[in-house]
Structures are given as structure tokens and as C-alpha cells.
C-alpha atoms as a PDB file:
ATOM      1  CA  MET A   1      -0.063  -0.051   0.101  1.00  0.00           C
ATOM      2  CA  ASN A   2       2.725   2.435   0.807  1.00  0.00           C
ATOM      3  CA  ASP A   3       4.499   1.829  -2.485  1.00  0.00           C
ATOM      4  CA  THR A   4       1.320   2.434  -4.217  1.00  0.00           C
ATOM      5  CA  ILE A   5       0.726   5.672  -2.518  1.00  0.00           C
ATOM      6  CA  ARG A   6       4.305   6.951  -3.204  1.00  0.00           C
ATOM      7  CA  VAL A   7       3.820   6.005  -6.810  1.00  0.00           C
ATOM      8  CA  LEU A   8       0.634   7.929  -7.043  1.00  0.00           C
ATOM      9  CA  LYS A   9       2.055  10.883  -5.282  1.00  0.00           C
ATOM     10  CA  GLU A  10       4.987  11.143  -7.528  1.00  0.00           C
ATOM     11  CA  ARG A  11       2.791  10.824 -10.613  1.00  0.00           C
ATOM     12  CA  HIS A  12       0.515  13.690  -9.331  1.00  0.00           C
ATOM     13  CA  TRP A  13       3.578  15.807  -8.556  1.00  0.00           C
ATOM     14  CA  LYS A  14       5.050  15.312 -12.084  1.00  0.00           C
ATOM     15  CA  GLU A  15       1.574  16.169 -13.632  1.00  0.00           C
ATOM     16  CA  SER A  16       1.264  19.259 -11.432  1.00  0.00           C
ATOM     17  CA  MET A  17       4.770  20.478 -12.433  1.00  0.00           C
ATOM     18  CA  ALA A  18       3.930  19.970 -16.164  1.00  0.00           C
ATOM     19  CA  HIS A  19       0.830  21.975 -15.693  1.00  0.00           C
ATOM     20  CA  SER A  20       2.695  24.855 -14.037  1.00  0.00           C
ATOM     21  CA  SER A  21       5.090  25.038 -16.792  1.00  0.00           C
ATOM     22  CA  TRP A  22       2.218  25.575 -19.269  1.00  0.00           C
ATOM     23  CA  GLN A  23       0.538  28.066 -16.824  1.00  0.00           C
ATOM     24  CA  ILE A  24       3.401  30.379 -17.370  1.00  0.00           C
ATOM     25  CA  PHE A  25       2.235  31.120 -21.005  1.00  0.00           C
ATOM     26  CA  LYS A  26      -1.251  32.011 -19.776  1.00  0.00           C
ATOM     27  CA  ILE A  27       0.247  34.259 -17.083  1.00  0.00           C
ATOM     28  CA  MET A  28       2.485  35.912 -19.851  1.00  0.00           C
ATOM     29  CA  ALA A  29      -0.508  36.459 -22.129  1.00  0.00           C
ATOM     30  CA  GLU A  30      -2.520  38.133 -19.433  1.00  0.00           C
ATOM     31  CA  PHE A  31       0.402  40.688 -18.927  1.00  0.00           C
ATOM     32  CA  VAL A  32       0.904  41.242 -22.610  1.00  0.00           C
ATOM     33  CA  ASP A  33      -2.821  41.950 -23.198  1.00  0.00           C
ATOM     34  CA  GLY A  34      -3.090  44.181 -20.200  1.00  0.00           C
ATOM     35  CA  PHE A  35       0.162  46.225 -21.047  1.00  0.00           C
ATOM     36  CA  GLU A  36      -0.900  46.675 -24.605  1.00  0.00           C
ATOM     37  CA  THR A  37      -4.401  47.762 -23.893  1.00  0.00           C
ATOM     38  CA  LEU A  38      -3.710  50.172 -20.794  1.00  0.00           C
ATOM     39  CA  ALA A  39      -0.517  51.771 -22.306  1.00  0.00           C
ATOM     40  CA  LYS A  40      -2.731  53.381 -24.938  1.00  0.00           C
ATOM     41  CA  ILE A  41      -5.191  54.908 -22.595  1.00  0.00           C
ATOM     42  CA  GLY A  42      -3.152  57.635 -20.804  1.00  0.00           C
ATOM     43  CA  PRO A  43      -3.394  58.896 -17.100  1.00  0.00           C
ATOM     44  CA  CYS A  44      -6.000  56.996 -15.207  1.00  0.00           C
ATOM     45  CA  ILE A  45      -7.492  56.837 -11.608  1.00  0.00           C
ATOM     46  CA  SER A  46      -8.250  53.396 -10.050  1.00  0.00           C
ATOM     47  CA  ILE A  47     -11.449  53.400  -8.058  1.00  0.00           C
ATOM     48  CA  PHE A  48     -11.874  50.413  -5.626  1.00  0.00           C
ATOM     49  CA  GLY A  49     -14.850  49.467  -3.409  1.00  0.00           C
ATOM     50  CA  SER A  50     -17.428  46.879  -2.704  1.00  0.00           C
ATOM     51  CA  ALA A  51     -19.127  44.851  -5.402  1.00  0.00           C
ATOM     52  CA  ARG A  52     -22.195  44.541  -3.093  1.00  0.00           C
ATOM     53  CA  THR A  53     -23.111  48.397  -3.040  1.00  0.00           C
ATOM     54  CA  LYS A  54     -26.581  48.848  -4.597  1.00  0.00           C
ATOM     55  CA  PRO A  55     -27.487  51.593  -7.048  1.00  0.00           C
ATOM     56  CA  GLY A  56     -29.330  54.514  -5.352  1.00  0.00           C
ATOM     57  CA  THR A  57     -27.326  54.159  -2.125  1.00  0.00           C
ATOM     58  CA  PRO A  58     -25.276  57.007  -0.890  1.00  0.00           C
ATOM     59  CA  TYR A  59     -21.876  55.530  -1.730  1.00  0.00           C
ATOM     60  CA  TYR A  60     -22.887  54.378  -5.138  1.00  0.00           C
ATOM     61  CA  GLU A  61     -24.124  57.771  -6.070  1.00  0.00           C
ATOM     62  CA  LEU A  62     -21.129  59.367  -4.606  1.00  0.00           C
ATOM     63  CA  THR A  63     -18.798  57.047  -6.635  1.00  0.00           C
ATOM     64  CA  VAL A  64     -20.651  58.074  -9.859  1.00  0.00           C
ATOM     65  CA  GLU A  65     -20.106  61.789  -9.033  1.00  0.00           C
ATOM     66  CA  ILE A  66     -16.422  61.192  -8.139  1.00  0.00           C
ATOM     67  CA  ALA A  67     -15.735  59.289 -11.282  1.00  0.00           C
ATOM     68  CA  GLN A  68     -17.543  61.724 -13.447  1.00  0.00           C
ATOM     69  CA  LYS A  69     -15.719  64.805 -12.174  1.00  0.00           C
ATOM     70  CA  LEU A  70     -12.419  62.989 -12.421  1.00  0.00           C
ATOM     71  CA  ALA A  71     -13.191  61.990 -16.044  1.00  0.00           C
ATOM     72  CA  GLN A  72     -14.186  65.574 -16.830  1.00  0.00           C
ATOM     73  CA  GLU A  73     -10.570  66.473 -15.689  1.00  0.00           C
ATOM     74  CA  GLY A  74      -9.222  64.156 -18.314  1.00  0.00           C
ATOM     75  CA  PHE A  75      -8.559  61.072 -16.224  1.00  0.00           C
ATOM     76  CA  GLY A  76      -9.462  57.679 -17.489  1.00  0.00           C
ATOM     77  CA  ILE A  77     -11.287  55.515 -14.742  1.00  0.00           C
ATOM     78  CA  ILE A  78     -10.178  51.966 -13.882  1.00  0.00           C
ATOM     79  CA  THR A  79     -12.101  49.564 -11.966  1.00  0.00           C
ATOM     80  CA  GLY A  80     -12.400  45.952 -11.288  1.00  0.00           C
ATOM     81  CA  GLY A  81     -15.109  45.764 -13.888  1.00  0.00           C
ATOM     82  CA  GLY A  82     -17.949  44.237 -11.751  1.00  0.00           C
ATOM     83  CA  PRO A  83     -20.996  45.539 -10.022  1.00  0.00           C
ATOM     84  CA  GLY A  84     -21.485  47.889  -7.087  1.00  0.00           C
ATOM     85  CA  ILE A  85     -18.888  50.624  -6.660  1.00  0.00           C
ATOM     86  CA  MET A  86     -17.014  49.266  -9.775  1.00  0.00           C
ATOM     87  CA  GLU A  87     -20.182  49.788 -11.808  1.00  0.00           C
ATOM     88  CA  ALA A  88     -20.872  53.119 -10.291  1.00  0.00           C
ATOM     89  CA  ALA A  89     -17.363  54.423 -11.250  1.00  0.00           C
ATOM     90  CA  ASN A  90     -17.586  53.116 -14.842  1.00  0.00           C
ATOM     91  CA  LYS A  91     -21.018  54.790 -15.015  1.00  0.00           C
ATOM     92  CA  GLY A  92     -19.572  58.209 -13.923  1.00  0.00           C
ATOM     93  CA  ALA A  93     -16.809  57.896 -16.506  1.00  0.00           C
ATOM     94  CA  GLU A  94     -19.427  57.167 -19.243  1.00  0.00           C
ATOM     95  CA  LEU A  95     -21.572  59.972 -18.201  1.00  0.00           C
ATOM     96  CA  ALA A  96     -18.631  62.444 -18.628  1.00  0.00           C
ATOM     97  CA  GLY A  97     -17.648  60.822 -21.800  1.00  0.00           C
ATOM     98  CA  GLY A  98     -14.292  59.597 -20.463  1.00  0.00           C
ATOM     99  CA  LYS A  99     -12.419  56.438 -20.785  1.00  0.00           C
ATOM    100  CA  SER A 100     -13.996  53.678 -18.833  1.00  0.00           C
ATOM    101  CA  VAL A 101     -11.811  50.639 -18.109  1.00  0.00           C
ATOM    102  CA  GLY A 102     -12.844  47.265 -16.451  1.00  0.00           C
ATOM    103  CA  LEU A 103     -10.383  44.766 -15.179  1.00  0.00           C
ATOM    104  CA  ASN A 104     -12.771  41.772 -14.760  1.00  0.00           C
ATOM    105  CA  ILE A 105     -11.792  38.646 -12.719  1.00  0.00           C
ATOM    106  CA  ASP A 106     -13.327  35.396 -13.001  1.00  0.00           C
ATOM    107  CA  LEU A 107     -14.933  34.515  -9.822  1.00  0.00           C
ATOM    108  CA  PRO A 108     -17.648  31.929  -8.598  1.00  0.00           C
ATOM    109  CA  PHE A 109     -19.909  34.744  -7.379  1.00  0.00           C
ATOM    110  CA  GLU A 110     -20.589  38.450  -7.642  1.00  0.00           C
ATOM    111  CA  GLN A 111     -18.392  39.226 -10.537  1.00  0.00           C
ATOM    112  CA  ARG A 112     -19.693  40.100 -13.949  1.00  0.00           C
ATOM    113  CA  PRO A 113     -18.675  42.786 -16.309  1.00  0.00           C
ATOM    114  CA  ASN A 114     -20.836  45.852 -15.786  1.00  0.00           C
ATOM    115  CA  GLU A 115     -22.628  47.594 -18.842  1.00  0.00           C
ATOM    116  CA  TYR A 116     -20.550  50.912 -18.496  1.00  0.00           C
ATOM    117  CA  ILE A 117     -17.124  49.652 -19.502  1.00  0.00           C
ATOM    118  CA  ASP A 118     -15.944  50.732 -22.950  1.00  0.00           C
ATOM    119  CA  LYS A 119     -16.006  47.644 -25.201  1.00  0.00           C
ATOM    120  CA  ASP A 120     -12.468  48.010 -26.194  1.00  0.00           C
ATOM    121  CA  LYS A 121     -11.315  48.441 -22.527  1.00  0.00           C
ATOM    122  CA  LEU A 122     -12.604  45.332 -20.894  1.00  0.00           C
ATOM    123  CA  LEU A 123      -9.934  42.870 -19.902  1.00  0.00           C
ATOM    124  CA  ASN A 124     -10.554  39.568 -18.201  1.00  0.00           C
ATOM    125  CA  PHE A 125      -8.224  37.882 -15.918  1.00  0.00           C
ATOM    126  CA  ASP A 126      -7.845  34.567 -14.110  1.00  0.00           C
ATOM    127  CA  TYR A 127      -4.999  35.733 -11.905  1.00  0.00           C
ATOM    128  CA  PHE A 128      -5.491  38.367  -9.125  1.00  0.00           C
ATOM    129  CA  PHE A 129      -1.709  39.149  -9.076  1.00  0.00           C
ATOM    130  CA  VAL A 130      -1.670  40.156 -12.810  1.00  0.00           C
ATOM    131  CA  ARG A 131      -4.805  42.320 -12.409  1.00  0.00           C
ATOM    132  CA  LYS A 132      -3.258  43.992  -9.330  1.00  0.00           C
ATOM    133  CA  VAL A 133      -0.229  44.920 -11.559  1.00  0.00           C
ATOM    134  CA  MET A 134      -2.555  46.519 -14.104  1.00  0.00           C
ATOM    135  CA  PHE A 135      -4.393  48.528 -11.452  1.00  0.00           C
ATOM    136  CA  THR A 136      -1.129  49.947 -10.025  1.00  0.00           C
ATOM    137  CA  LYS A 137       1.195  50.307 -13.143  1.00  0.00           C
ATOM    138  CA  TYR A 138      -1.197  52.663 -15.099  1.00  0.00           C
ATOM    139  CA  SER A 139      -2.861  54.704 -12.288  1.00  0.00           C
ATOM    140  CA  GLN A 140      -2.007  58.115 -11.338  1.00  0.00           C
ATOM    141  CA  GLY A 141      -4.136  57.924  -8.181  1.00  0.00           C
ATOM    142  CA  PHE A 142      -6.327  55.497  -6.117  1.00  0.00           C
ATOM    143  CA  ILE A 143      -9.663  56.146  -4.693  1.00  0.00           C
ATOM    144  CA  MET A 144     -10.754  53.687  -1.962  1.00  0.00           C
ATOM    145  CA  MET A 145     -14.548  53.568  -1.371  1.00  0.00           C
ATOM    146  CA  PRO A 146     -15.961  51.446   1.347  1.00  0.00           C
ATOM    147  CA  GLY A 147     -15.578  47.765   0.676  1.00  0.00           C
ATOM    148  CA  GLY A 148     -14.589  44.255   2.190  1.00  0.00           C
ATOM    149  CA  PHE A 149     -11.623  41.906   1.974  1.00  0.00           C
ATOM    150  CA  GLY A 150     -10.943  42.752  -1.695  1.00  0.00           C
ATOM    151  CA  THR A 151     -10.832  46.504  -1.046  1.00  0.00           C
ATOM    152  CA  MET A 152      -8.669  46.236   2.080  1.00  0.00           C
ATOM    153  CA  ASP A 153      -6.333  43.985   0.101  1.00  0.00           C
ATOM    154  CA  GLU A 154      -5.998  46.708  -2.623  1.00  0.00           C
ATOM    155  CA  PHE A 155      -5.756  49.483  -0.048  1.00  0.00           C
ATOM    156  CA  PHE A 156      -2.849  47.784   1.815  1.00  0.00           C
ATOM    157  CA  GLU A 157      -1.175  46.639  -1.492  1.00  0.00           C
ATOM    158  CA  VAL A 158      -1.158  50.312  -2.767  1.00  0.00           C
ATOM    159  CA  ALA A 159      -0.106  51.736   0.652  1.00  0.00           C
ATOM    160  CA  THR A 160       2.924  48.976   0.828  1.00  0.00           C
ATOM    161  CA  LEU A 161       4.115  49.850  -2.695  1.00  0.00           C
ATOM    162  CA  ILE A 162       4.303  53.641  -1.869  1.00  0.00           C
ATOM    163  CA  GLN A 163       5.734  53.042   1.592  1.00  0.00           C
ATOM    164  CA  THR A 164       8.500  50.945   0.187  1.00  0.00           C
ATOM    165  CA  GLU A 165       9.156  53.323  -2.674  1.00  0.00           C
ATOM    166  CA  LYS A 166       8.315  50.660  -5.277  1.00  0.00           C
ATOM    167  CA  PHE A 167       6.581  53.264  -7.054  1.00  0.00           C
ATOM    168  CA  LYS A 168       6.372  57.119  -6.438  1.00  0.00           C
ATOM    169  CA  GLN A 169       3.966  58.602  -3.974  1.00  0.00           C
ATOM    170  CA  MET A 170       0.761  59.627  -5.467  1.00  0.00           C
ATOM    171  CA  PRO A 171      -2.748  60.554  -4.353  1.00  0.00           C
ATOM    172  CA  MET A 172      -4.460  57.912  -2.451  1.00  0.00           C
ATOM    173  CA  VAL A 173      -7.881  58.980  -0.915  1.00  0.00           C
ATOM    174  CA  LEU A 174     -10.116  57.058   1.333  1.00  0.00           C
ATOM    175  CA  VAL A 175     -13.694  58.247   0.880  1.00  0.00           C
ATOM    176  CA  GLY A 176     -16.226  58.107   3.879  1.00  0.00           C
ATOM    177  CA  SER A 177     -14.627  59.197   7.111  1.00  0.00           C
ATOM    178  CA  ALA A 178     -17.365  57.287   9.066  1.00  0.00           C
ATOM    179  CA  TYR A 179     -16.239  54.079   7.317  1.00  0.00           C
ATOM    180  CA  TRP A 180     -12.633  54.485   7.518  1.00  0.00           C
ATOM    181  CA  ASN A 181     -11.972  56.199  10.798  1.00  0.00           C
ATOM    182  CA  GLY A 182     -12.085  52.977  12.943  1.00  0.00           C
ATOM    183  CA  LEU A 183      -9.405  51.383  10.912  1.00  0.00           C
ATOM    184  CA  LEU A 184      -7.237  54.554  10.845  1.00  0.00           C
ATOM    185  CA  GLU A 185      -7.452  54.904  14.662  1.00  0.00           C
ATOM    186  CA  TRP A 186      -6.278  51.328  14.976  1.00  0.00           C
ATOM    187  CA  MET A 187      -3.338  51.930  12.722  1.00  0.00           C
ATOM    188  CA  LYS A 188      -2.408  54.823  14.790  1.00  0.00           C
ATOM    189  CA  THR A 189      -2.827  53.353  18.233  1.00  0.00           C
ATOM    190  CA  SER A 190      -1.624  49.900  17.465  1.00  0.00           C
ATOM    191  CA  MET A 191       0.515  49.746  14.347  1.00  0.00           C
ATOM    192  CA  ALA A 192       2.195  53.179  14.624  1.00  0.00           C
ATOM    193  CA  ASP A 193       2.356  53.344  18.540  1.00  0.00           C
ATOM    194  CA  GLU A 194       3.871  49.777  18.549  1.00  0.00           C
ATOM    195  CA  GLY A 195       6.526  50.793  16.041  1.00  0.00           C
ATOM    196  CA  ASN A 196       5.161  48.540  13.169  1.00  0.00           C
ATOM    197  CA  ILE A 197       4.929  51.423  10.975  1.00  0.00           C
ATOM    198  CA  LYS A 198       6.084  55.032  11.185  1.00  0.00           C
ATOM    199  CA  LYS A 199       3.764  57.750  12.064  1.00  0.00           C
ATOM    200  CA  GLU A 200       4.581  59.535   8.740  1.00  0.00           C
ATOM    201  CA  ASP A 201       3.119  56.508   6.970  1.00  0.00           C
ATOM    202  CA  LEU A 202      -0.216  57.652   7.988  1.00  0.00           C
ATOM    203  CA  GLU A 203       0.139  60.588   5.871  1.00  0.00           C
ATOM    204  CA  LEU A 204       0.386  58.517   2.742  1.00  0.00           C
ATOM    205  CA  PHE A 205      -3.423  58.836   2.173  1.00  0.00           C
ATOM    206  CA  LYS A 206      -6.096  61.524   2.628  1.00  0.00           C
ATOM    207  CA  ILE A 207      -9.687  61.263   4.004  1.00  0.00           C
ATOM    208  CA  ALA A 208     -12.573  62.751   1.857  1.00  0.00           C
ATOM    209  CA  ASP A 209     -16.355  62.845   2.117  1.00  0.00           C
ATOM    210  CA  THR A 210     -17.192  64.657  -0.912  1.00  0.00           C
ATOM    211  CA  ALA A 211     -16.480  64.407  -4.633  1.00  0.00           C
ATOM    212  CA  GLU A 212     -15.006  67.968  -4.653  1.00  0.00           C
ATOM    213  CA  GLU A 213     -12.610  66.885  -1.946  1.00  0.00           C
ATOM    214  CA  VAL A 214     -11.365  63.914  -3.818  1.00  0.00           C
ATOM    215  CA  VAL A 215     -10.836  65.905  -7.073  1.00  0.00           C
ATOM    216  CA  HIS A 216      -9.133  68.666  -5.205  1.00  0.00           C
ATOM    217  CA  HIS A 217      -6.642  66.190  -3.539  1.00  0.00           C
ATOM    218  CA  THR A 218      -5.801  64.654  -6.799  1.00  0.00           C
ATOM    219  CA  LEU A 219      -5.453  67.891  -8.931  1.00  0.00           C
ATOM    220  CA  GLU A 220      -3.550  69.616  -6.100  1.00  0.00           C
ATOM    221  CA  TYR A 221      -0.827  66.804  -6.230  1.00  0.00           C
ATOM    222  CA  TYR A 222      -0.287  67.052  -9.946  1.00  0.00           C
ATOM    223  CA  ARG A 223      -0.090  70.847 -10.127  1.00  0.00           C
ATOM    224  CA  THR A 224       3.727  70.396  -9.901  1.00  0.00           C
ATOM    225  CA  ARG A 225       4.329  66.738 -10.776  1.00  0.00           C
ATOM    226  CA  PRO A 226       4.390  64.978 -14.069  1.00  0.00           C
ATOM    227  CA  LEU A 227       1.881  62.260 -15.152  1.00  0.00           C
ATOM    228  CA  LYS A 228       3.620  59.073 -16.080  1.00  0.00           C
ATOM    229  CA  PRO A 229       3.392  55.247 -15.495  1.00  0.00           C
ATOM    230  CA  ASN A 230       4.678  53.931 -12.089  1.00  0.00           C
ATOM    231  CA  TYR A 231       7.148  51.472 -12.984  1.00  0.00           C
END
């Protein structure tokens, strides 16, 4: 029995390794498609937030307004391509006649491309890590609306890249002080006070409650700085 199990394990390992080798080509293809598409679009802002936010709710409508105003200033809008906050941001971009980009991910629930994405700017991904590169490489700012695990993952990913200087500091705005203040207070009293981050790291992002504040923070940053890809 032990010999049989050993043989089966070795066979499974070899098959897995062969699959991994072919997987590299699929990953490369996602990178190539993403680079070729997004490099043509120009300066963009990525907007993150919950897929579960419903049309007509305050944060949904605020996201539409934010994206519309940023698109009117000439920025393309990048989202995860799905419903909720992502849909609201793409809708705002469309209303302004701006560029509306969707980086869709294949998930077993919640995720479907929304109707407001430009047809030639919809990209589909199997790999979260490739999708994250696309969000960060071609964005000149990041808007964090209220969201769940995915939004927190994206927030801390961007904060880490800026903190470690893997790309330049840029506007990062957390929208909804009532939503974010608890997390920020914990970061101050636990993370910073215990020395796990510097107090200056808490200055990497701004808090905003209105579309006007978000646009102001973004434009103010770029009055004296060039717009260019991050790495």
C-alpha cells in the first residue's frame, strides 16, 4: 500500500509540475494583453470598493459623481469591472464621456462585467496578481470607497508599494470618514504606536467625504508633478 501511495504521489507531482510550466504562458498572455491595452489609454485613476453596493445608495451615487468629475478633468477611470462601486465608477466615466476601463476577474460569485465599460477596454483575468499589476502600473491615483476584503487587500497593497518606494507617492484617497476612521485609529494606536509603521506612513493617504474633496486632492498633487506610468 505504501509503495502504491508513493507512486501515485510522484505521478501527481509530475503532472502538477507539467501543468505549472504551461501556466506560465497563460500568465504571460494576461500581462501582454493588459500592457498593450492600458498603455494606450493615458493617465488614469483606479477606484476600488465593494461589489455589493446597490444603485441608489449614498456611496454608489457618490462614486458616480467622483468618477464623473475625475473623467471631466481628463483622467480615465479603472475599476475591477464588476457590479457595485465598480459599476458606479464606470457609469460616472461614461456620463462624462471619459475612458471607462474594467479589469474583470473570473470569480464563482458576484463578478460580472458591468454595462458601462468601454467595449475595447474590458480585460478579463484569471489571476489576481496580474490584475493588481494593471491597477497599479497605469494609475496616477487611487480612490478607496467602502468595501470588504478585496478593497482592504487593494488598499494595503497600494500603501505598501508607496511606503517601500516601489513606485512614487501619489494621491490615495479614502472616501467616507465614518467608514474608515475606525481602521485609521487602530493603525495609529496599534500599528504606529507599537512601532510597526512610522507615524509618517499615516500621511500616505487623505480622507474625503465629497467628490469635490477627492478631485481637489488629486489635482493639487499634480499641479507640480508629471503624469507618467509608475514602473
